[in-house]
C-alpha cells in the first residue's frame, strides 16, 4: 500500500489501541506512548495498516481522556510530545498510518476556554459553550438528559445560568453554532495534520449541533426499565440536527488540504440516518463508522439482513466499513462466545469494506468482570448495577504469563482476568491453531486476494445457521461459507458454484483441501473457498 495513496483507507485494516491498556513502560500501571512504540513490531506483524489511538491529549481524566484540557498537548500520563513524534515517525517508517481520536463536541471543565466562559456572562468566550437561563420552574432549561445519567444541564452559581453537557458535568459541550469555535477546532486539526498524522476518528460527531430553540425531547414510548436512564427520551433535538452536515463538510475540507488523509465519524444512528454522514457528493466523512455488528442478534439471517440493508443503503460511490469491537462495547468473544469469535473474525475480514479491529480481540480477550471496588468508568459509577460499565472491555493487553501479563511491572489500573496466564500473545503465537494465528492468516489472505478488498458482495441463498456470500472482482472470485451454529452441516457445492479448494478454515486445519460435491462444515466453522472460474 503506497504511503501517499489517496484511497489507502479503502484497502487498509484499522487497529484501535486504547493507550491506557496497551503497554506500560514507566511503572505507573497505565499504558503510555513509549509502550505503543515498544509493541509496534507486534502490531505490524498482524498485517494491519493503520493504528487509531484513543485520546492521549492533556486531560484531568474524568472520562479517561475524552475530557480534554489541551488539544495540542500530550498528557504526561502518556509521555511527551517527543514520545508522540517518535511513535509517529516509527509508525510511518514501518508502513503504518496513525489516526488520532478528535473530541470536538466537548472539552474538560478545566480547559482554558471553559474557565474563561464560566468566569462571567460578559466574557468573550461565554458563547463558546451552551449557556441557558433556567426553565419557568427554576429548574433546567429543558428535559435533555446526560448519557451518563441525570440532567444534561449543570447550574453555575457564579453566573446564575445552566451549561449543557451531553456526558459528564465535567465535559461541557462546545457551541458549534459559533464560527469562532469551529475555526479554533479546525486549527487544532491543522496542528496535528501538519505533524503528518493520517487523519481523525471524530468522537460523537452526530452530537455537534443542537436544536437552536432547545425544544424538549419527546419521551421514548419503547423505554424498558433497567435500560440506561437517558434512553427515557428520544434525542430528536439534542443530536443529529440537519446543520451538522455543514460542519462535517467543513472538517472534510480541512483534511482535504492535506494529501491522503481520512475522516472517520463515530455515529450511533439508524441506518438511513447514518448514510447522510457521507455527505452530499461524498463530501462528508469518508467512513461513518458502521456499528451494526456490535448489537445485532448473532444469527445467520440477522447478519445477512444487516449486510443486505447496509449495501443497499450506501450512497453511490460510498465505501463501506465494519466494526466488531471498541472501547465502549462488550468484547466480541463474550458477546458471541469463543467458538463464534473465530467465525466473527472471518466475517469481519471478508466482508466488503474497511474493517476495524479492537486491540486484544485478536487474542480472544473476554469482557472482564470488574469488582465494585475496582470500577473506574464514570458511566458505571453514575448508573450502577445495570451493566453499562465499560471497564470490562478496557483491561490491559495480555502479552505473556508473567506478573500482570507483561503489561506492567506493577498492578495495572484495571485488573487482568486469571485466564491471561494461558490466553496471551506469547502462548497464542506458539499455537499454530490459535485465534491469533487465525487473525494473521485472515489478514494475509485478504491482502493476497483482490476480491476480498475490492470485489463486489453477492449473497448466496442459504438456510438455518449458514451465511454464504461471494466476493467477486472481474473473473476472480472467492466464496465465504460461515456456520453460525454449533451443529455440523453439509452443503452441496454445485448448488452455489464455488471453487474446488479450501483456502482457509477458522480451525486452521483444512488449507488446500479439495472439494468434490459436498462441503462438510463442523459446528462453529467458517471457510474461504476459491478460486471460482
Protein backbone atom coordinates (compact mmCIF):
# COMPACT_ATOMS: atom_id res chain seq x y z
CA UNK A 1 0.00 0.00 0.00
CA UNK A 2 1.58 3.25 -1.14
CA UNK A 3 2.03 5.78 1.66
CA UNK A 4 0.65 8.64 -0.48
CA UNK A 5 -2.27 6.68 -1.96
CA UNK A 6 -5.30 8.93 -1.55
CA UNK A 7 -7.57 5.93 -1.00
CA UNK A 8 -5.32 3.89 1.25
CA UNK A 9 -8.07 3.69 3.87
CA UNK A 10 -10.20 1.63 1.49
CA UNK A 11 -7.59 -1.10 1.19
CA UNK A 12 -6.38 -0.82 4.77
CA UNK A 13 -7.22 -2.54 8.04
CA UNK A 14 -7.52 -0.35 11.16
CA UNK A 15 -6.38 -1.41 14.64
CA UNK A 16 -7.70 0.54 17.62
CA UNK A 17 -5.38 0.93 20.59
CA UNK A 18 -6.68 2.11 23.95
CA UNK A 19 -3.39 3.62 25.14
CA UNK A 20 -4.07 3.23 28.88
CA UNK A 21 -4.22 -0.53 28.40
CA UNK A 22 -1.66 -1.45 25.76
CA UNK A 23 1.77 -1.30 27.42
CA UNK A 24 3.11 0.46 30.49
CA UNK A 25 6.82 1.39 30.39
CA UNK A 26 7.17 3.87 33.27
CA UNK A 27 5.81 1.71 36.08
CA UNK A 28 2.64 3.59 36.95
CA UNK A 29 0.24 0.83 35.91
CA UNK A 30 -1.10 2.83 32.96
CA UNK A 31 -0.12 2.33 29.33
CA UNK A 32 1.82 5.05 27.51
CA UNK A 33 3.13 6.15 24.12
CA UNK A 34 6.54 4.58 24.72
CA UNK A 35 4.70 1.32 25.34
CA UNK A 36 2.93 1.51 21.99
CA UNK A 37 6.31 2.17 20.35
CA UNK A 38 7.74 -0.85 22.16
CA UNK A 39 4.94 -3.05 20.79
CA UNK A 40 4.89 -1.57 17.30
CA UNK A 41 6.56 -4.65 15.81
CA UNK A 42 3.72 -6.79 17.14
CA UNK A 43 1.11 -4.51 15.57
CA UNK A 44 2.97 -4.63 12.28
CA UNK A 45 3.19 -8.44 12.50
CA UNK A 46 -0.59 -8.68 12.45
CA UNK A 47 -0.64 -7.23 8.95
CA UNK A 48 -2.82 -4.23 9.77
CA UNK A 49 -2.28 -0.90 8.03
CA UNK A 50 -3.33 1.83 10.43
CA UNK A 51 -3.42 2.48 14.17
CA UNK A 52 -6.22 4.51 15.71
CA UNK A 53 -5.26 5.89 19.12
CA UNK A 54 -7.89 6.71 21.69
CA UNK A 55 -7.15 10.18 23.17
CA UNK A 56 -3.68 10.95 24.50
CA UNK A 57 -4.20 14.71 24.89
CA UNK A 58 -3.80 16.60 28.17
CA UNK A 59 -6.77 15.80 30.39
CA UNK A 60 -7.92 15.61 34.03
CA UNK A 61 -9.08 12.08 33.10
CA UNK A 62 -12.63 12.41 34.40
CA UNK A 63 -13.58 10.31 31.37
CA UNK A 64 -10.11 8.90 30.71
CA UNK A 65 -9.03 11.35 28.03
CA UNK A 66 -12.38 12.16 26.47
CA UNK A 67 -12.37 15.31 28.62
CA UNK A 68 -9.62 17.38 27.04
CA UNK A 69 -7.98 20.38 28.70
CA UNK A 70 -5.41 20.97 25.93
CA UNK A 71 -5.97 19.73 22.39
CA UNK A 72 -2.41 20.29 21.22
CA UNK A 73 -0.57 18.80 24.19
CA UNK A 74 0.19 15.25 25.28
CA UNK A 75 -0.88 14.28 28.79
CA UNK A 76 2.14 13.46 30.99
CA UNK A 77 0.44 10.18 31.89
CA UNK A 78 1.16 9.05 28.32
CA UNK A 79 4.52 10.80 27.90
CA UNK A 80 5.68 13.84 26.00
CA UNK A 81 5.25 15.36 22.57
CA UNK A 82 8.69 13.94 21.78
CA UNK A 83 7.31 10.48 22.59
CA UNK A 84 4.40 11.09 20.24
CA UNK A 85 6.69 12.32 17.47
CA UNK A 86 8.88 9.23 17.89
CA UNK A 87 5.85 6.94 17.66
CA UNK A 88 4.51 8.71 14.61
CA UNK A 89 7.88 8.55 12.85
CA UNK A 90 8.36 4.87 13.70
CA UNK A 91 4.85 4.02 12.56
CA UNK A 92 5.39 5.71 9.22
CA UNK A 93 8.79 4.08 8.78
CA UNK A 94 7.18 0.69 9.27
CA UNK A 95 4.42 1.46 6.78
CA UNK A 96 1.69 2.08 9.35
CA UNK A 97 -0.68 5.05 9.34
CA UNK A 98 -1.62 6.80 12.59
CA UNK A 99 -5.12 8.15 13.28
CA UNK A 100 -5.94 10.38 16.25
CA UNK A 101 -9.17 10.47 18.23
CA UNK A 102 -10.57 14.00 17.90
CA UNK A 103 -13.09 15.03 20.59
CA UNK A 104 -14.68 18.26 19.31
CA UNK A 105 -18.11 18.04 20.92
CA UNK A 106 -16.98 18.90 24.43
CA UNK A 107 -13.93 19.91 26.43
CA UNK A 108 -12.90 19.38 30.02
CA UNK A 109 -14.25 21.88 32.52
CA UNK A 110 -10.54 22.59 33.12
CA UNK A 111 -9.95 23.73 29.53
CA UNK A 112 -8.96 27.42 29.41
CA UNK A 113 -11.84 28.07 27.01
CA UNK A 114 -14.39 26.90 29.56
CA UNK A 115 -12.67 28.55 32.51
CA UNK A 116 -12.97 31.83 30.61
CA UNK A 117 -16.52 31.09 29.51
CA UNK A 118 -17.81 30.49 33.02
CA UNK A 119 -15.91 33.45 34.53
CA UNK A 120 -18.69 35.92 33.64
CA UNK A 121 -21.64 36.37 31.31
CA UNK A 122 -19.69 39.11 29.53
CA UNK A 123 -16.57 37.09 28.77
CA UNK A 124 -15.80 36.90 25.01
CA UNK A 125 -15.79 33.10 25.27
CA UNK A 126 -19.17 32.90 27.01
CA UNK A 127 -20.82 31.88 23.74
CA UNK A 128 -18.19 29.22 23.04
CA UNK A 129 -20.27 26.93 25.26
CA UNK A 130 -24.02 26.41 25.63
CA UNK A 131 -25.42 28.57 28.43
CA UNK A 132 -29.14 28.99 29.14
CA UNK A 133 -31.38 30.50 31.76
CA UNK A 134 -33.37 28.08 33.86
CA UNK A 135 -36.86 26.97 32.96
CA UNK A 136 -40.04 28.68 34.20
CA UNK A 137 -40.00 26.49 37.29
CA UNK A 138 -36.44 27.50 38.08
CA UNK A 139 -35.11 24.10 37.07
CA UNK A 140 -33.09 23.08 33.98
CA UNK A 141 -33.84 24.79 30.66
CA UNK A 142 -35.38 21.65 29.15
CA UNK A 143 -35.68 17.88 29.63
CA UNK A 144 -32.47 16.84 27.91
CA UNK A 145 -30.62 14.05 29.70
CA UNK A 146 -26.94 13.26 30.06
CA UNK A 147 -25.84 9.97 28.54
CA UNK A 148 -24.02 9.33 31.80
CA UNK A 149 -27.12 9.80 33.96
CA UNK A 150 -29.19 12.70 35.25
CA UNK A 151 -29.98 16.04 33.67
CA UNK A 152 -27.73 17.30 30.89
CA UNK A 153 -27.77 20.77 32.49
CA UNK A 154 -25.45 21.90 35.27
CA UNK A 155 -26.25 25.02 37.26
CA UNK A 156 -23.42 27.51 37.72
CA UNK A 157 -23.88 29.51 40.93
CA UNK A 158 -21.43 32.24 39.99
CA UNK A 159 -23.20 33.35 36.81
CA UNK A 160 -26.74 32.13 37.51
CA UNK A 161 -27.14 30.06 34.32
CA UNK A 162 -27.00 26.42 33.30
CA UNK A 163 -24.47 24.92 30.89
CA UNK A 164 -25.15 21.87 28.73
CA UNK A 165 -23.18 18.64 28.95
CA UNK A 166 -24.22 15.60 26.90
CA UNK A 167 -21.93 13.45 29.06
CA UNK A 168 -20.32 14.30 32.42
CA UNK A 169 -20.84 17.69 34.05
CA UNK A 170 -17.06 17.94 33.79
CA UNK A 171 -17.42 17.71 29.98
CA UNK A 172 -19.23 20.91 28.87
CA UNK A 173 -20.42 20.90 25.26
CA UNK A 174 -18.97 23.43 22.86
CA UNK A 175 -21.31 25.68 20.88
CA UNK A 176 -20.67 24.60 17.31
CA UNK A 177 -23.04 27.26 16.01
CA UNK A 178 -20.31 29.79 16.92
CA UNK A 179 -17.91 30.24 13.97
CA UNK A 180 -15.03 31.05 16.34
CA UNK A 181 -15.41 27.62 17.96
CA UNK A 182 -15.32 25.96 14.57
CA UNK A 183 -12.20 27.80 13.48
CA UNK A 184 -10.45 27.05 16.76
CA UNK A 185 -11.12 23.33 16.34
CA UNK A 186 -10.04 23.41 12.71
CA UNK A 187 -6.78 24.97 13.91
CA UNK A 188 -6.41 22.00 16.27
CA UNK A 189 -6.86 19.66 13.31
CA UNK A 190 -4.29 21.59 11.29
CA UNK A 191 -1.79 21.37 14.15
CA UNK A 192 -1.85 17.57 14.04
CA UNK A 193 -2.13 17.36 10.26
CA UNK A 194 1.00 19.50 9.99
CA UNK A 195 2.69 16.89 12.18
CA UNK A 196 1.69 14.39 9.47
CA UNK A 197 -0.95 12.37 11.30
CA UNK A 198 -3.05 10.49 8.78
CA UNK A 199 -6.50 11.58 9.87
CA UNK A 200 -9.04 11.60 12.66
CA UNK A 201 -11.72 9.46 14.19
CA UNK A 202 -14.20 12.09 15.34
CA UNK A 203 -15.89 11.32 18.65
CA UNK A 204 -19.73 11.57 18.88
CA UNK A 205 -19.84 13.52 15.65
CA UNK A 206 -23.65 13.40 15.49
CA UNK A 207 -23.86 15.41 18.73
CA UNK A 208 -22.09 18.54 17.45
CA UNK A 209 -25.13 20.66 16.62
CA UNK A 210 -28.15 21.07 18.90
CA UNK A 211 -31.61 22.43 18.18
CA UNK A 212 -31.43 26.22 18.02
CA UNK A 213 -34.69 26.53 20.01
CA UNK A 214 -33.69 23.95 22.68
CA UNK A 215 -37.07 22.24 22.49
CA UNK A 216 -37.88 19.39 24.88
CA UNK A 217 -37.06 15.95 23.56
CA UNK A 218 -40.02 13.59 23.16
CA UNK A 219 -40.45 10.69 25.56
CA UNK A 220 -39.36 7.27 24.32
CA UNK A 221 -42.53 5.11 24.22
CA UNK A 222 -40.41 1.96 23.97
CA UNK A 223 -38.23 2.58 27.03
CA UNK A 224 -37.75 -0.52 29.18
CA UNK A 225 -36.93 -0.28 32.88
CA UNK A 226 -33.41 -1.45 33.57
CA UNK A 227 -32.02 0.24 30.49
CA UNK A 228 -29.80 3.35 30.88
CA UNK A 229 -31.97 6.23 32.12
CA UNK A 230 -31.01 8.60 29.28
CA UNK A 231 -32.94 6.32 26.92
CA UNK A 232 -36.20 7.55 28.51
CA UNK A 233 -36.19 10.35 25.95
CA UNK A 234 -35.53 10.35 22.21
CA UNK A 235 -32.70 12.70 21.23
CA UNK A 236 -34.70 14.38 18.48
CA UNK A 237 -33.48 17.88 19.31
CA UNK A 238 -30.17 17.27 21.08
CA UNK A 239 -28.42 15.24 18.34
CA UNK A 240 -28.34 14.67 14.57
CA UNK A 241 -29.52 18.12 13.56
CA UNK A 242 -29.51 18.95 9.81
CA UNK A 243 -26.83 21.63 10.21
CA UNK A 244 -24.31 19.08 11.48
CA UNK A 245 -23.60 18.09 7.90
CA UNK A 246 -22.34 21.59 7.10
CA UNK A 247 -19.86 21.25 9.97
CA UNK A 248 -18.65 17.84 8.80
CA UNK A 249 -18.19 19.14 5.25
CA UNK A 250 -16.03 21.94 6.71
CA UNK A 251 -13.97 19.39 8.65
CA UNK A 252 -13.51 17.37 5.49
CA UNK A 253 -12.30 20.47 3.63
CA UNK A 254 -9.69 20.96 6.35
CA UNK A 255 -8.34 17.42 5.96
CA UNK A 256 -8.54 17.51 2.15
CA UNK A 257 -5.94 20.28 2.07
CA UNK A 258 -3.51 17.57 3.19
CA UNK A 259 -2.97 14.63 0.88
CA UNK A 260 -4.13 11.11 1.69
CA UNK A 261 -5.90 11.84 4.99
CA UNK A 262 -9.08 10.23 6.30
CA UNK A 263 -12.03 11.49 8.34
CA UNK A 264 -13.95 8.85 10.29
CA UNK A 265 -17.12 9.59 12.25
CA UNK A 266 -18.38 7.87 15.39
CA UNK A 267 -22.14 7.66 14.86
CA UNK A 268 -24.72 5.54 16.64
CA UNK A 269 -27.79 6.11 14.46
CA UNK A 270 -30.27 4.05 12.44
CA UNK A 271 -29.04 3.07 9.00
CA UNK A 272 -31.00 5.62 6.97
CA UNK A 273 -29.68 8.47 9.13
CA UNK A 274 -26.14 7.13 9.25
CA UNK A 275 -25.83 7.35 5.47
CA UNK A 276 -26.29 11.14 5.49
CA UNK A 277 -22.89 11.41 7.17
CA UNK A 278 -21.14 10.51 3.94
CA UNK A 279 -22.29 13.99 2.88
CA UNK A 280 -23.59 15.45 -0.33
CA UNK A 281 -21.42 14.18 -3.20
CA UNK A 282 -19.49 12.17 -0.57
CA UNK A 283 -18.00 15.38 0.87
CA UNK A 284 -18.61 14.36 4.49
CA UNK A 285 -16.86 11.65 6.47
CA UNK A 286 -15.14 9.10 4.25
CA UNK A 287 -16.15 6.42 6.77
CA UNK A 288 -19.10 6.96 9.10
CA UNK A 289 -18.50 4.02 11.42
CA UNK A 290 -20.91 1.14 10.86
CA UNK A 291 -21.61 -0.40 14.27
CA UNK A 292 -24.37 -2.79 13.18
CA UNK A 293 -22.41 -5.91 14.16
CA UNK A 294 -21.91 -4.61 17.72
CA UNK A 295 -25.54 -5.02 18.69
CA UNK A 296 -27.15 -7.46 16.28
CA UNK A 297 -28.62 -10.79 17.31
CA UNK A 298 -25.87 -13.23 16.32
CA UNK A 299 -27.63 -15.38 13.74
CA UNK A 300 -27.11 -16.05 10.06
CA UNK A 301 -30.37 -14.46 8.96
CA UNK A 302 -29.96 -11.37 11.15
CA UNK A 303 -26.46 -10.73 9.85
CA UNK A 304 -27.46 -11.48 6.27
CA UNK A 305 -30.22 -8.87 6.54
CA UNK A 306 -27.88 -6.30 8.07
CA UNK A 307 -25.38 -6.73 5.24
CA UNK A 308 -28.12 -6.54 2.61
CA UNK A 309 -29.70 -3.42 4.09
CA UNK A 310 -26.34 -1.70 4.54
CA UNK A 311 -25.18 -2.45 1.00
CA UNK A 312 -28.46 -1.18 -0.46
CA UNK A 313 -28.42 1.99 1.64
CA UNK A 314 -24.90 3.11 0.70
CA UNK A 315 -24.86 6.24 -1.46
CA UNK A 316 -23.40 5.77 -4.93
CA UNK A 317 -19.61 5.55 -4.66
CA UNK A 318 -19.59 5.41 -0.83
CA UNK A 319 -17.17 2.96 0.76
CA UNK A 320 -18.46 0.55 3.45
CA UNK A 321 -16.82 -0.34 6.75
CA UNK A 322 -17.37 -2.84 9.55
CA UNK A 323 -16.57 -2.90 13.27
CA UNK A 324 -16.68 -5.86 15.70
CA UNK A 325 -15.48 -4.20 18.90
CA UNK A 326 -14.41 -0.94 20.52
CA UNK A 327 -13.71 0.70 23.89
CA UNK A 328 -17.40 1.30 24.63
CA UNK A 329 -18.94 -2.11 23.94
CA UNK A 330 -18.57 -5.59 25.46
CA UNK A 331 -15.87 -7.78 23.92
CA UNK A 332 -16.92 -9.79 20.88
CA UNK A 333 -15.64 -13.05 22.39
CA UNK A 334 -18.07 -12.57 25.28
CA UNK A 335 -20.95 -11.38 23.09
CA UNK A 336 -20.90 -14.34 20.71
CA UNK A 337 -18.82 -16.92 22.59
CA UNK A 338 -15.23 -18.06 21.97
CA UNK A 339 -16.16 -20.52 19.21
CA UNK A 340 -18.14 -17.95 17.22
CA UNK A 341 -15.45 -15.30 17.83
CA UNK A 342 -13.39 -17.12 15.21
CA UNK A 343 -16.30 -17.09 12.76
CA UNK A 344 -16.82 -13.39 13.54
CA UNK A 345 -13.19 -12.73 12.64
CA UNK A 346 -13.65 -14.39 9.27
CA UNK A 347 -16.84 -12.39 8.69
CA UNK A 348 -15.16 -9.07 9.54
CA UNK A 349 -12.15 -9.68 7.32
CA UNK A 350 -14.02 -11.00 4.27
CA UNK A 351 -16.93 -8.54 4.03
CA UNK A 352 -16.78 -5.69 1.53
CA UNK A 353 -15.40 -2.59 3.21
CA UNK A 354 -12.72 -1.46 5.61
CA UNK A 355 -12.50 -3.50 8.84
CA UNK A 356 -11.55 -2.07 12.23
CA UNK A 357 -10.09 -4.39 14.89
CA UNK A 358 -10.05 -3.59 18.60
CA UNK A 359 -6.85 -4.40 20.47
CA UNK A 360 -6.99 -7.81 22.16
CA UNK A 361 -9.83 -9.17 20.06
CA UNK A 362 -7.17 -10.93 18.00
CA UNK A 363 -6.22 -12.96 21.08
CA UNK A 364 -9.82 -13.60 22.07
CA UNK A 365 -9.84 -11.31 25.11
CA UNK A 366 -13.08 -11.56 27.09
CA UNK A 367 -15.19 -8.98 28.81
CA UNK A 368 -13.72 -8.94 32.31
CA UNK A 369 -15.99 -8.88 35.35
CA UNK A 370 -14.96 -5.85 37.42
CA UNK A 371 -15.47 -5.92 41.19
CA UNK A 372 -17.24 -2.85 42.61
CA UNK A 373 -14.08 -1.63 44.32
CA UNK A 374 -12.19 -1.76 41.01
CA UNK A 375 -14.71 0.19 38.92
CA UNK A 376 -13.14 3.17 37.15
CA UNK A 377 -15.73 4.02 34.48
CA UNK A 378 -17.72 7.17 35.37
CA UNK A 379 -20.75 5.84 33.47
CA UNK A 380 -20.90 2.77 35.74
CA UNK A 381 -20.33 4.92 38.82
CA UNK A 382 -23.17 7.26 37.86
CA UNK A 383 -25.56 4.49 36.77
CA UNK A 384 -24.53 1.42 38.75
CA UNK A 385 -25.92 -2.08 38.64
CA UNK A 386 -27.43 -2.32 35.16
CA UNK A 387 -24.35 -3.38 33.22
CA UNK A 388 -23.33 -0.18 31.47
CA UNK A 389 -19.74 -0.29 32.71
CA UNK A 390 -17.06 -0.10 30.03
CA UNK A 391 -14.09 -1.14 32.18
CA UNK A 392 -14.51 -4.79 31.22
CA UNK A 393 -13.55 -4.16 27.58
CA UNK A 394 -10.64 -1.87 28.50
CA UNK A 395 -8.49 -4.22 30.58
CA UNK A 396 -4.74 -4.47 29.89
CA UNK A 397 -3.40 -6.31 26.88
CA UNK A 398 -2.37 -9.86 27.77
CA UNK A 399 1.18 -10.16 26.45
CA UNK A 400 2.58 -13.12 28.40
CA UNK A 401 2.12 -15.24 31.53
CA UNK A 402 4.36 -13.16 33.80
CA UNK A 403 3.05 -10.97 36.59
CA UNK A 404 0.46 -8.52 35.26
CA UNK A 405 0.56 -10.15 31.85
CA UNK A 406 3.69 -8.41 30.66
CA UNK A 407 1.68 -5.18 30.56
CA UNK A 408 3.34 -3.59 33.59
CA UNK A 409 5.74 -4.22 36.45
CA UNK A 410 3.09 -3.05 38.94
CA UNK A 411 -0.61 -3.65 39.48
CA UNK A 412 -2.38 -2.12 36.46
CA UNK A 413 -5.15 0.44 36.52
CA UNK A 414 -7.66 -2.30 35.74
CA UNK A 415 -7.31 -5.96 36.75
CA UNK A 416 -6.43 -8.77 34.37
CA UNK A 417 -8.51 -11.96 34.35
CA UNK A 418 -6.87 -15.12 35.67
CA UNK A 419 -7.05 -16.67 32.21
CA UNK A 420 -4.31 -14.31 30.99
CA UNK A 421 -1.69 -16.87 32.07
CA UNK A 422 -2.92 -19.07 29.22
CA UNK A 423 -4.58 -16.60 26.83
CA UNK A 424 -1.71 -14.29 25.95
CA UNK A 425 0.27 -13.27 22.90
CA UNK A 426 3.32 -15.44 23.61
CA UNK A 427 1.27 -18.61 24.09
CA UNK A 428 -1.05 -17.96 21.18
CA UNK A 429 1.76 -17.13 18.76
CA UNK A 430 3.25 -20.54 19.57
CA UNK A 431 -0.06 -22.34 18.92
CA UNK A 432 -0.49 -22.65 15.17
CA UNK A 433 -4.24 -23.21 15.60
CA UNK A 434 -4.86 -20.18 17.85
CA UNK A 435 -7.26 -17.33 17.19
CA UNK A 436 -4.26 -15.00 16.95
CA UNK A 437 -2.83 -17.02 14.10
CA UNK A 438 -6.28 -17.15 12.53
CA UNK A 439 -6.39 -13.35 12.50
CA UNK A 440 -2.93 -13.20 10.93
CA UNK A 441 -3.91 -15.73 8.28
CA UNK A 442 -7.17 -13.94 7.52
CA UNK A 443 -5.38 -10.62 7.11
CA UNK A 444 -2.75 -12.22 4.86
CA UNK A 445 -5.49 -13.91 2.81
CA UNK A 446 -7.31 -10.62 2.42
CA UNK A 447 -4.18 -8.94 1.14
CA UNK A 448 -3.34 -11.81 -1.22
CA UNK A 449 -6.75 -11.95 -2.92
CA UNK A 450 -8.01 -8.76 -4.52
CA UNK A 451 -11.69 -9.82 -4.43
CA UNK A 452 -11.60 -9.66 -0.62
CA UNK A 453 -10.59 -6.00 -0.79
CA UNK A 454 -12.14 -4.64 -3.95
CA UNK A 455 -14.62 -7.30 -5.03
CA UNK A 456 -18.39 -6.94 -5.07
CA UNK A 457 -20.51 -8.62 -2.42
CA UNK A 458 -23.01 -11.22 -3.68
CA UNK A 459 -25.17 -13.09 -1.17
CA UNK A 460 -25.88 -16.76 -1.85
CA UNK A 461 -29.18 -18.21 -0.66
CA UNK A 462 -28.78 -20.29 2.48
CA UNK A 463 -30.88 -21.57 5.34
CA UNK A 464 -30.52 -22.29 9.03
CA UNK A 465 -27.21 -21.29 10.56
CA UNK A 466 -25.41 -20.87 7.24
CA UNK A 467 -24.29 -17.49 5.90
CA UNK A 468 -22.79 -17.70 2.40
CA UNK A 469 -21.55 -14.98 0.08
CA UNK A 470 -19.24 -14.48 -2.88
CA UNK A 471 -16.66 -11.73 -3.25
CA UNK A 472 -16.03 -11.13 -6.94
CA UNK A 473 -13.68 -8.86 -8.88
CA UNK A 474 -13.98 -9.46 -12.59
CA UNK A 475 -13.44 -13.14 -13.29
CA UNK A 476 -11.76 -13.70 -9.94
CA UNK A 477 -13.97 -14.75 -7.03
CA UNK A 478 -13.89 -16.35 -3.61
CA UNK A 479 -16.77 -17.77 -1.59
CA UNK A 480 -17.16 -17.49 2.17
CA UNK A 481 -19.25 -20.08 3.99
CA UNK A 482 -19.92 -19.48 7.70
CA UNK A 483 -21.66 -21.81 10.11
CA UNK A 484 -23.06 -19.61 12.87
CA UNK A 485 -24.40 -22.57 14.78
CA UNK A 486 -22.92 -25.37 16.92
CA UNK A 487 -24.07 -28.28 14.75
CA UNK A 488 -22.29 -29.75 11.70
CA UNK A 489 -23.87 -29.05 8.32
CA UNK A 490 -23.29 -30.28 4.76
CA UNK A 491 -23.53 -28.01 1.70
CA UNK A 492 -23.81 -29.17 -1.88
CA UNK A 493 -21.09 -27.34 -3.75
CA UNK A 494 -22.77 -27.43 -7.16
CA UNK A 495 -25.77 -25.52 -5.83
CA UNK A 496 -23.75 -22.42 -5.12
CA UNK A 497 -20.99 -22.76 -7.72
CA UNK A 498 -17.95 -22.18 -5.57
CA UNK A 499 -14.42 -23.27 -6.20
CA UNK A 500 -12.78 -26.54 -5.52
CA UNK A 501 -10.26 -25.74 -2.80
CA UNK A 502 -10.44 -24.57 0.80
CA UNK A 503 -8.07 -21.65 1.19
CA UNK A 504 -8.68 -21.20 4.91
CA UNK A 505 -10.79 -22.68 7.70
CA UNK A 506 -11.41 -20.97 11.02
CA UNK A 507 -9.94 -24.12 12.58
CA UNK A 508 -6.73 -23.63 10.52
CA UNK A 509 -6.56 -27.31 9.56
CA UNK A 510 -8.05 -27.65 6.06
CA UNK A 511 -5.91 -25.47 3.80
CA UNK A 512 -5.62 -26.99 0.34
CA UNK A 513 -8.42 -29.49 0.89
CA UNK A 514 -10.12 -30.34 -2.41
CA UNK A 515 -13.92 -30.36 -2.53
CA UNK A 516 -15.87 -32.92 -4.53
CA UNK A 517 -19.60 -32.30 -4.49
CA UNK A 518 -20.13 -31.65 -0.78
CA UNK A 519 -18.65 -29.28 1.75
CA UNK A 520 -18.87 -30.65 5.28
CA UNK A 521 -18.68 -27.92 7.89
CA UNK A 522 -18.17 -28.53 11.56
CA UNK A 523 -20.14 -26.60 14.12
CA UNK A 524 -18.83 -23.03 14.52
CA UNK A 525 -16.67 -23.33 11.41
CA UNK A 526 -16.16 -20.91 8.56
CA UNK A 527 -14.22 -21.45 5.36
CA UNK A 528 -13.00 -19.41 2.42
CA UNK A 529 -13.12 -21.31 -0.84
CA UNK A 530 -11.63 -20.50 -4.20
CA UNK A 531 -10.91 -19.71 -6.80
CA UNK A 532 -14.14 -19.75 -8.80
CA UNK A 533 -13.53 -19.66 -12.52
